[in-house]
N, C-alpha and C. Protein backbone atom coordinates (compact mmCIF):
# COMPACT_ATOMS: atom_id res chain seq x y z
N MET A 1 70.61 56.47 72.19
CA MET A 1 69.44 57.19 72.70
C MET A 1 68.41 56.70 71.72
N THR A 2 67.37 56.54 72.04
CA THR A 2 66.12 55.81 70.89
C THR A 2 64.76 56.74 71.59
N THR A 3 63.93 57.00 70.51
CA THR A 3 62.39 57.61 71.06
C THR A 3 61.45 57.11 69.91
N PRO A 4 60.60 56.96 70.06
CA PRO A 4 59.34 56.21 69.44
C PRO A 4 58.95 57.35 68.32
N THR A 5 58.74 56.73 67.24
CA THR A 5 58.16 57.63 66.11
C THR A 5 56.74 57.55 66.26
N PRO A 6 56.07 58.60 66.08
CA PRO A 6 54.41 58.28 66.14
C PRO A 6 54.11 58.31 64.68
N SER A 7 52.87 57.74 64.66
CA SER A 7 52.18 57.68 63.54
C SER A 7 51.71 58.82 62.93
N ALA A 8 50.97 59.02 61.69
CA ALA A 8 50.54 60.15 61.22
C ALA A 8 49.35 60.68 62.10
N THR A 9 48.67 59.90 62.71
CA THR A 9 47.58 60.61 63.35
C THR A 9 48.16 61.55 64.52
N THR A 10 47.26 62.61 64.52
CA THR A 10 47.58 63.60 65.53
C THR A 10 46.60 63.36 66.74
N TYR A 11 47.10 63.00 68.01
CA TYR A 11 46.34 62.74 69.30
C TYR A 11 46.29 64.19 70.00
N PRO A 12 44.95 64.55 70.26
CA PRO A 12 44.89 65.82 71.18
C PRO A 12 44.87 65.58 72.64
N PRO A 13 44.92 66.51 73.26
CA PRO A 13 45.13 65.88 74.81
C PRO A 13 43.79 65.34 75.38
N ALA A 14 42.82 65.32 74.82
CA ALA A 14 41.75 64.43 75.17
C ALA A 14 41.11 64.15 73.72
N PRO A 15 40.48 62.74 73.62
CA PRO A 15 39.97 62.44 72.35
C PRO A 15 38.70 62.89 71.87
N HIS A 16 38.01 63.66 72.84
CA HIS A 16 36.64 64.50 72.35
C HIS A 16 37.28 65.56 72.04
N LEU A 17 38.24 66.19 72.20
CA LEU A 17 38.79 67.58 71.90
C LEU A 17 38.97 67.73 70.66
N GLY A 18 39.14 66.76 69.82
CA GLY A 18 39.48 66.91 68.28
C GLY A 18 39.24 65.52 67.32
N PRO A 19 39.70 65.31 66.33
CA PRO A 19 39.23 64.16 65.43
C PRO A 19 39.56 62.76 66.33
N ALA A 20 38.84 61.86 66.05
CA ALA A 20 38.94 60.51 66.60
C ALA A 20 40.19 59.71 66.24
N PRO A 21 40.98 59.33 67.01
CA PRO A 21 42.46 58.71 66.63
C PRO A 21 42.13 57.41 65.64
N GLN A 22 42.96 57.19 65.17
CA GLN A 22 42.96 56.19 64.08
C GLN A 22 43.75 55.08 64.67
N PRO A 23 43.59 53.71 64.24
CA PRO A 23 44.33 52.67 64.96
C PRO A 23 45.66 52.91 64.53
N ALA A 24 46.54 52.39 65.71
CA ALA A 24 47.95 52.71 65.67
C ALA A 24 48.62 51.62 64.79
N PRO A 25 50.06 51.69 64.32
CA PRO A 25 50.41 50.76 63.53
C PRO A 25 50.36 49.51 64.35
N ALA A 26 50.62 48.32 63.54
CA ALA A 26 50.69 47.04 64.24
C ALA A 26 51.82 46.69 65.42
N ARG A 27 53.14 47.49 64.75
CA ARG A 27 54.41 47.39 66.01
C ARG A 27 54.78 48.78 65.80
N SER A 28 55.45 48.91 67.00
CA SER A 28 56.22 50.50 67.20
C SER A 28 57.42 50.54 66.21
N ARG A 29 57.82 51.51 65.87
CA ARG A 29 58.86 52.13 64.87
C ARG A 29 59.76 53.12 65.48
N TRP A 30 61.04 52.70 65.76
CA TRP A 30 61.91 53.46 66.42
C TRP A 30 63.01 53.94 65.54
N TRP A 31 63.55 55.05 65.97
CA TRP A 31 64.97 55.47 65.05
C TRP A 31 65.79 56.11 66.23
N ALA A 32 67.03 55.96 66.00
CA ALA A 32 68.31 56.43 66.67
C ALA A 32 68.17 57.95 66.46
N VAL A 33 68.49 58.68 67.66
CA VAL A 33 68.45 60.02 67.72
C VAL A 33 70.07 60.34 68.51
N ALA A 34 70.84 61.28 67.39
CA ALA A 34 72.22 61.73 67.96
C ALA A 34 72.05 63.06 68.34
N GLY A 35 71.65 63.48 69.50
CA GLY A 35 71.42 64.70 69.77
C GLY A 35 70.13 64.90 70.61
N VAL A 36 69.21 65.95 70.28
CA VAL A 36 68.11 66.29 70.91
C VAL A 36 67.06 65.38 70.46
N ILE A 37 65.94 65.01 71.54
CA ILE A 37 64.80 64.20 71.06
C ILE A 37 63.88 65.11 70.35
N ALA A 38 63.43 64.72 69.02
CA ALA A 38 62.43 65.59 68.60
C ALA A 38 61.66 64.71 67.66
N LEU A 39 60.47 65.39 67.59
CA LEU A 39 59.65 64.65 66.61
C LEU A 39 59.66 65.18 65.22
N LEU A 40 60.20 64.34 64.19
CA LEU A 40 60.22 65.03 63.03
C LEU A 40 59.26 64.67 62.07
N LEU A 41 57.85 65.59 62.37
CA LEU A 41 56.73 65.10 61.33
C LEU A 41 56.59 66.79 60.93
N VAL A 42 55.74 66.73 59.68
CA VAL A 42 55.23 68.05 59.19
C VAL A 42 54.37 68.48 60.03
N VAL A 43 54.32 69.73 60.33
CA VAL A 43 53.22 70.49 61.26
C VAL A 43 51.95 70.52 60.35
N ALA A 44 50.85 70.16 61.25
CA ALA A 44 49.51 70.37 60.72
C ALA A 44 48.80 71.22 61.32
N GLY A 45 49.25 72.57 61.73
CA GLY A 45 48.69 73.71 62.21
C GLY A 45 49.63 74.82 62.53
N GLY A 46 49.21 75.87 63.15
CA GLY A 46 50.14 77.02 63.33
C GLY A 46 51.55 76.64 64.33
N VAL A 47 52.52 77.41 64.41
CA VAL A 47 53.35 77.01 65.02
C VAL A 47 53.60 78.24 66.16
N ALA A 48 54.01 77.65 67.08
CA ALA A 48 53.90 78.65 68.28
C ALA A 48 55.20 79.68 68.11
N ALA A 49 55.09 80.65 68.76
CA ALA A 49 56.10 81.53 68.76
C ALA A 49 56.84 81.40 70.31
N VAL A 50 58.23 80.80 70.07
CA VAL A 50 58.70 80.33 71.22
C VAL A 50 59.89 81.53 71.81
N ARG A 51 59.84 81.98 72.86
CA ARG A 51 60.83 82.86 73.46
C ARG A 51 61.71 82.24 74.54
N TRP A 52 63.11 82.38 74.24
CA TRP A 52 64.04 81.92 74.99
C TRP A 52 64.48 82.82 76.23
N VAL A 53 63.93 82.32 77.49
CA VAL A 53 64.42 83.36 78.37
C VAL A 53 64.95 82.94 79.58
N ARG A 54 65.57 83.67 80.50
CA ARG A 54 66.18 83.09 82.05
C ARG A 54 65.38 83.24 82.68
N GLY A 55 65.06 81.94 83.78
CA GLY A 55 64.40 81.79 84.95
C GLY A 55 64.83 82.74 86.12
N GLY A 56 63.89 82.73 87.00
CA GLY A 56 64.31 83.58 88.19
C GLY A 56 64.85 82.61 89.04
N ASP A 57 64.89 83.12 90.47
CA ASP A 57 65.58 82.52 91.46
C ASP A 57 64.76 81.62 92.30
N ASP A 58 63.53 81.36 91.99
CA ASP A 58 62.68 80.56 92.54
C ASP A 58 62.12 79.41 91.94
N GLY A 59 61.57 78.31 92.62
CA GLY A 59 60.99 77.22 92.41
C GLY A 59 61.88 76.19 91.43
N PRO A 60 61.45 75.23 90.94
CA PRO A 60 62.11 74.16 90.22
C PRO A 60 62.89 75.00 89.04
N LEU A 61 64.08 74.39 88.56
CA LEU A 61 65.03 74.91 87.80
C LEU A 61 65.03 76.37 87.56
N ALA A 62 65.31 76.77 88.76
CA ALA A 62 65.55 78.06 89.08
C ALA A 62 66.91 78.68 88.46
N GLY A 63 66.81 79.79 87.60
CA GLY A 63 67.87 80.35 87.20
C GLY A 63 68.44 79.36 85.71
N ARG A 64 67.63 78.68 85.54
CA ARG A 64 67.70 77.91 84.05
C ARG A 64 67.07 78.57 83.15
N PRO A 65 67.53 78.60 81.71
CA PRO A 65 66.60 79.04 80.57
C PRO A 65 65.36 78.46 80.50
N ARG A 66 64.22 79.44 80.01
CA ARG A 66 63.12 78.69 79.96
C ARG A 66 62.34 79.15 78.36
N VAL A 67 61.65 78.09 78.09
CA VAL A 67 60.77 78.13 76.79
C VAL A 67 59.60 78.67 77.08
N THR A 68 59.05 79.76 76.23
CA THR A 68 57.87 80.48 76.36
C THR A 68 57.03 80.21 75.11
N ASP A 69 56.00 79.17 75.38
CA ASP A 69 55.40 78.63 74.27
C ASP A 69 53.95 79.77 74.08
N THR A 70 53.85 80.52 73.32
CA THR A 70 52.80 81.46 73.17
C THR A 70 51.48 80.88 72.54
N ARG A 71 51.54 79.64 71.81
CA ARG A 71 50.44 79.02 71.43
C ARG A 71 49.88 78.18 72.63
N ALA A 72 50.63 77.62 73.42
CA ALA A 72 50.06 76.91 74.44
C ALA A 72 49.83 77.75 75.90
N GLY A 73 50.48 79.07 75.68
CA GLY A 73 50.10 79.70 76.60
C GLY A 73 51.02 79.39 78.19
N LEU A 74 52.05 78.62 77.92
CA LEU A 74 52.91 78.20 78.95
C LEU A 74 54.40 78.47 78.74
N SER A 75 54.91 78.48 79.94
CA SER A 75 56.52 78.93 79.96
C SER A 75 57.00 77.41 81.05
N TYR A 76 58.12 77.00 80.51
CA TYR A 76 58.72 75.77 81.33
C TYR A 76 60.01 75.97 81.24
N GLY A 77 60.88 75.38 82.15
CA GLY A 77 62.17 75.22 82.42
C GLY A 77 62.84 74.35 81.68
N VAL A 78 64.15 74.62 81.15
CA VAL A 78 64.96 73.56 80.77
C VAL A 78 66.19 73.06 81.67
N PRO A 79 66.27 71.96 81.69
CA PRO A 79 67.07 71.14 82.54
C PRO A 79 68.78 71.35 82.18
N GLU A 80 69.65 71.17 82.79
CA GLU A 80 70.82 71.22 82.54
C GLU A 80 70.98 70.00 81.54
N GLY A 81 71.56 70.12 80.26
CA GLY A 81 71.93 68.90 79.55
C GLY A 81 70.75 68.85 78.58
N TRP A 82 69.81 69.47 78.53
CA TRP A 82 68.64 69.39 77.83
C TRP A 82 68.68 70.63 76.83
N LYS A 83 67.90 70.71 75.98
CA LYS A 83 68.18 71.60 74.64
C LYS A 83 66.84 71.76 74.03
N HIS A 84 66.57 72.93 73.48
CA HIS A 84 65.49 73.36 72.84
C HIS A 84 66.04 73.94 71.29
N ASP A 85 65.32 73.51 70.39
CA ASP A 85 65.45 73.72 69.06
C ASP A 85 64.09 74.18 68.22
N ALA A 86 64.36 75.39 68.01
CA ALA A 86 62.94 76.23 67.30
C ALA A 86 62.68 75.32 66.17
N ALA A 87 63.75 75.18 65.36
CA ALA A 87 63.51 74.46 64.16
C ALA A 87 62.89 73.17 64.06
N GLN A 88 63.05 72.52 65.20
CA GLN A 88 62.26 71.13 65.08
C GLN A 88 60.89 71.48 65.60
N ASP A 89 60.58 72.73 66.46
CA ASP A 89 59.38 73.16 66.64
C ASP A 89 58.26 73.13 65.55
N GLU A 90 59.07 73.41 64.56
CA GLU A 90 57.96 74.02 63.28
C GLU A 90 57.93 72.54 62.60
N LYS A 91 58.29 71.35 63.11
CA LYS A 91 58.23 70.45 62.41
C LYS A 91 57.07 69.37 63.15
N LEU A 92 56.76 69.79 64.26
CA LEU A 92 55.94 69.01 65.22
C LEU A 92 54.48 68.86 64.70
N ILE A 93 53.91 67.93 64.69
CA ILE A 93 52.34 67.58 64.33
C ILE A 93 51.75 68.62 64.96
N GLY A 94 50.55 68.95 64.57
CA GLY A 94 49.83 69.98 65.20
C GLY A 94 49.13 70.11 66.27
N ALA A 95 49.13 68.81 66.98
CA ALA A 95 48.89 68.65 68.47
C ALA A 95 49.80 69.53 69.43
N PHE A 96 51.21 69.58 68.91
CA PHE A 96 52.15 69.92 69.91
C PHE A 96 52.62 71.20 69.14
N SER A 97 53.37 72.39 70.18
CA SER A 97 53.77 73.70 69.58
C SER A 97 55.25 73.62 70.10
N SER A 98 55.54 72.79 70.77
CA SER A 98 57.26 73.05 71.45
C SER A 98 57.44 72.04 72.10
N GLN A 99 58.93 71.61 72.11
CA GLN A 99 59.40 70.54 72.69
C GLN A 99 61.10 70.90 73.20
N ILE A 100 61.07 70.15 74.23
CA ILE A 100 62.72 70.06 74.58
C ILE A 100 63.12 68.56 74.78
N GLY A 101 64.60 68.28 74.65
CA GLY A 101 65.15 66.79 74.82
C GLY A 101 66.14 67.03 75.52
N ASN A 102 66.69 65.68 76.07
CA ASN A 102 67.76 65.56 76.79
C ASN A 102 69.04 65.07 75.62
N ALA A 103 70.21 65.60 75.99
CA ALA A 103 71.11 65.48 74.58
C ALA A 103 71.73 63.93 75.41
N PRO A 104 72.35 62.95 74.63
CA PRO A 104 73.08 61.79 75.16
C PRO A 104 74.38 62.24 75.80
N THR A 105 74.56 61.22 76.76
CA THR A 105 75.76 61.46 77.57
C THR A 105 76.61 59.89 77.62
N ALA A 106 77.50 60.11 78.01
CA ALA A 106 78.48 58.84 78.11
C ALA A 106 77.78 57.82 79.03
N LYS A 107 77.09 58.32 80.24
CA LYS A 107 76.47 57.59 81.25
C LYS A 107 75.09 56.93 80.78
N SER A 108 74.38 57.65 79.81
CA SER A 108 73.15 57.38 79.47
C SER A 108 72.97 57.68 77.98
N THR A 109 73.25 56.38 77.05
CA THR A 109 73.08 56.51 75.78
C THR A 109 71.86 55.73 75.41
N GLU A 110 71.08 55.02 76.44
CA GLU A 110 70.13 54.34 76.00
C GLU A 110 68.65 54.90 76.65
N THR A 111 68.72 55.95 77.56
CA THR A 111 67.41 56.48 77.99
C THR A 111 67.26 58.04 77.38
N GLY A 112 66.19 58.12 76.80
CA GLY A 112 65.89 59.46 76.36
C GLY A 112 64.70 60.10 77.16
N GLY A 113 64.76 61.42 76.99
CA GLY A 113 63.41 62.08 77.75
C GLY A 113 63.15 63.09 76.63
N THR A 114 61.88 63.55 76.90
CA THR A 114 61.41 64.76 76.06
C THR A 114 60.15 65.43 76.78
N VAL A 115 59.97 66.60 76.39
CA VAL A 115 58.90 67.16 76.99
C VAL A 115 58.22 68.03 75.99
N LEU A 116 56.76 67.98 75.64
CA LEU A 116 56.16 68.69 74.59
C LEU A 116 55.18 69.29 75.36
N ALA A 117 54.90 70.72 74.64
CA ALA A 117 53.53 71.19 75.10
C ALA A 117 52.43 71.53 73.94
N GLY A 118 51.53 71.86 74.20
CA GLY A 118 50.51 72.08 73.28
C GLY A 118 49.16 72.63 73.70
N ARG A 119 48.12 72.89 72.82
CA ARG A 119 46.98 73.35 73.66
C ARG A 119 45.98 72.57 72.75
N ALA A 120 44.72 72.57 73.73
CA ALA A 120 43.59 71.83 73.32
C ALA A 120 42.68 72.79 72.33
N GLY A 121 41.95 71.80 71.88
CA GLY A 121 40.87 72.73 70.74
C GLY A 121 39.77 73.21 71.53
N GLN A 122 39.66 73.04 72.61
CA GLN A 122 38.18 73.99 73.53
C GLN A 122 38.61 73.68 75.02
N ALA A 123 38.26 74.51 75.69
CA ALA A 123 38.46 74.36 77.31
C ALA A 123 37.95 73.20 77.79
N VAL A 124 38.33 72.70 78.81
CA VAL A 124 37.99 71.43 79.60
C VAL A 124 37.64 72.12 81.08
N PRO A 125 36.20 71.83 81.47
CA PRO A 125 35.91 72.65 82.83
C PRO A 125 36.74 71.94 84.06
N ARG A 126 36.85 72.32 84.92
CA ARG A 126 37.56 71.91 86.15
C ARG A 126 36.76 70.68 86.59
N ALA A 127 35.61 70.35 86.47
CA ALA A 127 35.04 69.02 86.79
C ALA A 127 35.49 67.83 85.86
N GLY A 128 35.84 68.21 84.78
CA GLY A 128 36.26 67.20 83.61
C GLY A 128 37.65 67.02 83.29
N LEU A 129 38.40 67.73 84.26
CA LEU A 129 40.02 67.63 84.03
C LEU A 129 40.49 66.21 84.14
N GLU A 130 40.11 65.43 85.37
CA GLU A 130 40.60 64.18 85.57
C GLU A 130 39.96 63.16 84.45
N ARG A 131 38.85 63.06 83.95
CA ARG A 131 38.76 62.39 82.97
C ARG A 131 39.35 62.61 81.81
N ALA A 132 39.48 63.89 81.23
CA ALA A 132 40.32 64.48 80.08
C ALA A 132 41.47 63.95 80.27
N THR A 133 42.38 64.12 81.24
CA THR A 133 43.60 63.91 81.45
C THR A 133 44.03 62.24 81.31
N GLU A 134 43.43 61.66 81.91
CA GLU A 134 43.47 60.12 81.88
C GLU A 134 43.46 59.74 80.81
N SER A 135 42.16 60.26 79.96
CA SER A 135 42.09 59.63 78.71
C SER A 135 43.05 60.12 77.66
N ALA A 136 43.41 61.31 77.87
CA ALA A 136 44.49 62.01 76.96
C ALA A 136 45.86 61.09 77.29
N ALA A 137 46.16 60.97 78.35
CA ALA A 137 47.50 60.13 78.66
C ALA A 137 47.38 58.60 77.89
N ARG A 138 46.41 57.85 78.09
CA ARG A 138 46.10 56.67 77.24
C ARG A 138 46.13 56.77 76.01
N SER A 139 45.58 57.89 75.19
CA SER A 139 45.52 58.18 73.98
C SER A 139 47.10 58.36 73.42
N ASN A 140 47.74 59.07 73.99
CA ASN A 140 48.96 59.44 73.78
C ASN A 140 50.05 58.08 73.83
N ALA A 141 49.73 57.54 75.05
CA ALA A 141 50.51 56.18 75.10
C ALA A 141 50.55 55.27 73.99
N GLU A 142 49.12 55.16 73.40
CA GLU A 142 48.88 54.40 72.13
C GLU A 142 49.51 54.91 70.98
N PHE A 143 49.55 56.34 71.10
CA PHE A 143 50.21 57.08 69.79
C PHE A 143 51.70 56.84 69.66
N PHE A 144 52.08 56.81 70.90
CA PHE A 144 53.97 56.74 71.11
C PHE A 144 54.37 55.45 71.24
N PHE A 145 53.48 54.62 71.77
CA PHE A 145 53.73 53.07 72.03
C PHE A 145 52.72 52.15 71.72
N PRO A 146 52.41 52.01 70.40
CA PRO A 146 51.45 51.42 70.03
C PRO A 146 51.75 49.84 70.35
N ASP A 147 50.49 49.03 70.76
CA ASP A 147 50.58 47.75 71.20
C ASP A 147 51.27 47.27 72.07
N ARG A 148 51.46 48.34 73.18
CA ARG A 148 52.26 48.36 74.35
C ARG A 148 51.38 48.48 75.55
N PRO A 149 51.02 47.37 76.54
CA PRO A 149 50.36 47.67 77.71
C PRO A 149 50.69 48.94 78.64
N ALA A 150 49.83 49.85 78.92
CA ALA A 150 49.78 50.81 79.78
C ALA A 150 49.17 50.73 81.15
N THR A 151 49.91 51.03 81.96
CA THR A 151 49.27 50.82 83.53
C THR A 151 49.33 52.21 84.14
N LEU A 152 48.13 52.66 84.56
CA LEU A 152 47.82 53.97 85.22
C LEU A 152 48.56 53.80 86.64
N GLU A 153 49.70 54.89 86.89
CA GLU A 153 50.47 54.67 88.06
C GLU A 153 50.03 55.92 89.23
N ALA A 154 49.63 56.74 88.50
CA ALA A 154 48.96 57.87 89.55
C ALA A 154 48.25 58.71 88.63
N SER A 155 47.15 59.44 89.52
CA SER A 155 46.26 60.46 88.81
C SER A 155 45.80 61.26 89.73
N HIS A 156 46.01 62.60 89.65
CA HIS A 156 45.71 63.55 91.03
C HIS A 156 45.54 64.88 90.45
N ALA A 157 44.36 65.65 91.17
CA ALA A 157 44.36 66.84 90.86
C ALA A 157 45.47 67.74 91.29
N THR A 158 45.75 68.71 90.77
CA THR A 158 46.85 69.81 91.01
C THR A 158 46.54 71.10 90.69
N THR A 159 47.50 72.06 90.72
CA THR A 159 47.24 73.33 90.10
C THR A 159 48.47 73.75 89.22
N LEU A 160 48.47 74.51 88.27
CA LEU A 160 49.58 75.06 87.61
C LEU A 160 49.45 76.76 87.65
N ASP A 161 50.40 77.34 88.34
CA ASP A 161 50.53 78.51 88.54
C ASP A 161 49.05 79.22 88.89
N GLY A 162 48.79 78.56 89.76
CA GLY A 162 47.37 78.89 90.29
C GLY A 162 46.01 78.47 89.65
N GLN A 163 46.41 77.91 88.50
CA GLN A 163 45.07 77.42 87.56
C GLN A 163 44.95 75.92 87.82
N PRO A 164 43.50 75.56 87.57
CA PRO A 164 43.04 74.19 88.11
C PRO A 164 43.82 73.29 86.86
N ALA A 165 44.24 72.08 87.39
CA ALA A 165 45.14 71.19 86.53
C ALA A 165 44.72 69.69 87.17
N HIS A 166 45.38 68.77 86.13
CA HIS A 166 45.19 67.24 86.52
C HIS A 166 46.56 66.60 85.88
N THR A 167 46.96 65.70 86.80
CA THR A 167 48.43 65.02 86.20
C THR A 167 48.28 63.60 86.28
N ALA A 168 48.48 63.01 85.13
CA ALA A 168 48.44 61.38 85.11
C ALA A 168 49.70 60.99 84.53
N VAL A 169 49.98 59.73 85.47
CA VAL A 169 51.28 59.10 84.98
C VAL A 169 50.99 57.77 84.54
N LEU A 170 51.55 57.16 83.31
CA LEU A 170 51.34 56.06 82.86
C LEU A 170 52.54 55.10 82.78
N ARG A 171 52.82 53.88 83.09
CA ARG A 171 54.03 53.11 83.03
C ARG A 171 53.81 52.00 81.99
N ILE A 172 54.50 52.36 80.70
CA ILE A 172 54.33 51.39 79.44
C ILE A 172 55.58 50.45 79.42
N GLN A 173 55.27 49.10 79.46
CA GLN A 173 56.02 48.19 79.33
C GLN A 173 56.41 47.66 78.01
N GLY A 174 57.71 47.30 77.45
CA GLY A 174 57.86 46.97 76.17
C GLY A 174 59.23 46.08 76.09
N GLU A 175 59.53 45.54 74.99
CA GLU A 175 60.89 44.54 74.80
C GLU A 175 62.24 45.56 75.02
N GLU A 176 61.78 46.71 74.86
CA GLU A 176 63.32 47.51 74.97
C GLU A 176 63.41 48.40 76.13
N GLY A 177 62.43 48.12 77.20
CA GLY A 177 62.58 48.67 78.64
C GLY A 177 61.28 49.05 78.75
N SER A 178 61.18 49.64 80.05
CA SER A 178 60.15 50.17 80.54
C SER A 178 59.98 51.82 80.19
N SER A 179 59.05 52.16 79.88
CA SER A 179 58.88 53.78 79.54
C SER A 179 57.64 54.24 80.54
N ARG A 180 57.91 55.56 80.44
CA ARG A 180 57.00 56.41 81.42
C ARG A 180 56.41 57.75 80.70
N LEU A 181 55.25 57.79 81.00
CA LEU A 181 54.49 58.89 80.38
C LEU A 181 53.58 59.79 81.44
N LYS A 182 54.05 61.02 81.47
CA LYS A 182 53.63 61.99 82.45
C LYS A 182 52.91 63.11 81.71
N MET A 183 51.75 63.65 82.20
CA MET A 183 50.78 64.56 81.51
C MET A 183 50.21 65.18 81.93
N THR A 184 50.30 66.62 82.10
CA THR A 184 49.63 67.65 82.91
C THR A 184 48.57 68.50 81.98
N VAL A 185 47.25 68.59 82.35
CA VAL A 185 46.37 69.22 81.62
C VAL A 185 45.86 70.29 82.59
N VAL A 186 45.95 71.60 82.08
CA VAL A 186 45.58 72.78 82.91
C VAL A 186 44.57 73.48 81.93
N THR A 187 43.61 74.07 82.64
CA THR A 187 42.54 75.10 82.03
C THR A 187 42.94 76.50 82.58
N ILE A 188 43.31 77.49 81.55
CA ILE A 188 43.61 78.66 82.02
C ILE A 188 42.54 79.67 82.09
N HIS A 189 42.19 80.23 83.23
CA HIS A 189 41.28 81.12 83.25
C HIS A 189 40.09 80.95 82.75
N GLY A 190 39.69 79.60 82.64
CA GLY A 190 38.44 79.05 82.21
C GLY A 190 38.12 79.22 80.82
N GLU A 191 39.39 79.65 80.07
CA GLU A 191 39.17 79.90 78.61
C GLU A 191 39.64 79.13 77.67
N ARG A 192 40.85 78.61 78.04
CA ARG A 192 41.65 77.56 77.17
C ARG A 192 42.23 76.39 78.17
N THR A 193 42.54 75.27 77.22
CA THR A 193 43.13 74.12 77.93
C THR A 193 44.33 73.99 77.19
N SER A 194 45.64 73.83 78.09
CA SER A 194 46.77 73.36 77.43
C SER A 194 47.35 72.37 78.29
N PHE A 195 48.56 71.83 77.75
CA PHE A 195 49.00 70.57 78.26
C PHE A 195 50.74 70.46 78.20
N LEU A 196 51.25 69.87 78.96
CA LEU A 196 52.51 69.15 79.08
C LEU A 196 52.57 67.91 79.22
N LEU A 197 53.46 67.35 78.08
CA LEU A 197 53.64 65.94 78.10
C LEU A 197 54.88 65.49 78.37
N GLY A 198 55.30 64.91 79.14
CA GLY A 198 56.74 64.18 79.55
C GLY A 198 56.94 62.60 79.16
N LEU A 199 57.79 62.43 78.48
CA LEU A 199 57.99 60.86 77.95
C LEU A 199 59.63 60.65 78.37
N THR A 200 59.72 59.31 79.00
CA THR A 200 61.07 58.88 79.44
C THR A 200 61.30 57.67 78.91
N THR A 201 62.04 57.17 77.87
CA THR A 201 62.04 55.85 77.19
C THR A 201 63.56 55.25 77.32
N GLY A 202 63.39 53.92 77.24
CA GLY A 202 64.58 53.07 77.54
C GLY A 202 64.91 52.93 78.72
N ALA A 203 66.36 52.25 78.96
CA ALA A 203 66.59 51.88 80.27
C ALA A 203 66.29 52.82 81.35
N ALA A 204 66.22 52.36 82.57
CA ALA A 204 65.77 53.17 83.68
C ALA A 204 66.90 54.13 84.11
N ASP A 205 66.70 55.59 84.13
CA ASP A 205 67.51 56.32 84.61
C ASP A 205 66.81 57.22 85.31
N ARG A 206 66.88 57.08 86.59
CA ARG A 206 66.49 58.28 87.40
C ARG A 206 66.38 59.58 87.48
N SER A 207 67.57 60.04 86.84
CA SER A 207 68.03 61.28 86.66
C SER A 207 67.20 61.94 85.52
N VAL A 208 66.84 61.19 84.40
CA VAL A 208 66.17 61.46 83.29
C VAL A 208 64.51 61.66 83.96
N THR A 209 63.95 60.79 84.60
CA THR A 209 62.80 60.77 85.13
C THR A 209 62.58 62.20 86.21
N GLU A 210 63.56 62.39 86.81
CA GLU A 210 63.47 63.58 87.72
C GLU A 210 63.58 65.00 86.97
N ASP A 211 64.40 64.87 85.81
CA ASP A 211 64.35 66.00 84.84
C ASP A 211 63.04 66.35 84.32
N VAL A 212 62.21 65.29 83.80
CA VAL A 212 61.02 65.36 83.27
C VAL A 212 59.83 66.05 84.19
N ASP A 213 60.19 65.43 85.53
CA ASP A 213 59.33 66.01 86.69
C ASP A 213 59.52 67.33 86.63
N ALA A 214 60.95 67.72 86.95
CA ALA A 214 61.18 69.26 87.19
C ALA A 214 60.76 70.05 86.30
N VAL A 215 60.69 69.57 84.90
CA VAL A 215 60.08 70.73 83.90
C VAL A 215 58.65 70.89 83.97
N LEU A 216 57.75 69.57 84.28
CA LEU A 216 56.46 69.81 84.49
C LEU A 216 56.20 70.85 85.85
N ALA A 217 57.00 70.54 86.81
CA ALA A 217 56.87 71.14 88.08
C ALA A 217 57.08 72.86 87.74
N SER A 218 57.94 73.12 86.89
CA SER A 218 58.56 74.48 86.63
C SER A 218 57.60 75.29 85.93
N ALA A 219 56.28 74.69 85.28
CA ALA A 219 55.59 75.26 84.41
C ALA A 219 55.10 76.39 84.94
N THR A 220 54.89 77.73 84.03
CA THR A 220 53.78 78.68 84.49
C THR A 220 53.01 79.25 83.40
N VAL A 221 51.90 79.91 83.91
CA VAL A 221 51.11 80.27 82.62
C VAL A 221 51.81 81.81 82.20
N ASP A 222 51.65 81.68 80.82
CA ASP A 222 52.16 82.85 80.03
C ASP A 222 51.23 84.05 79.86
């Protein structure tokens, strides 16, 4: 199972919320991961306090453990076969504060899935969520999959635990297969904006895509 290695540049949820991104490397760099997918870069900001709790009986991933990311102000479920490693959270670049990934299986050794959470530098008003989310999704696609064409497959307004949000989905084509990026940006109580970013890489595996979707659907405001 493989996952793309990001460049040293930190991409915020939307380009206008932080430093302008630098050009991506000329070609993508990949490394093999034996275990949980993680981004092994030195953190460039504060680390979130993450609590490991058991979910309730309702909603997506009911009854599954949950990660509560206090920096992002979000909580999300962990699908069966996925893992959270707090030590890896401390190595994330500053745009992200927590992550979970799926462990490899005998049936799926070439497909990887990961979900990351983080908080934006400033709040995005409801009217600006669509533009911010689509821009952020494309920036992250260039960050994780440099020099690969990305196509917007879906973009729609939604809510996350009653808060205004927007979700965008991109399909990224490459020699090693088709990858998928799904991003939800939410403005919480009009005071702060946070996001969840789901990535699926490698050979097509519907179960991994469904897991990523379930994680984003399970998110609540902490």
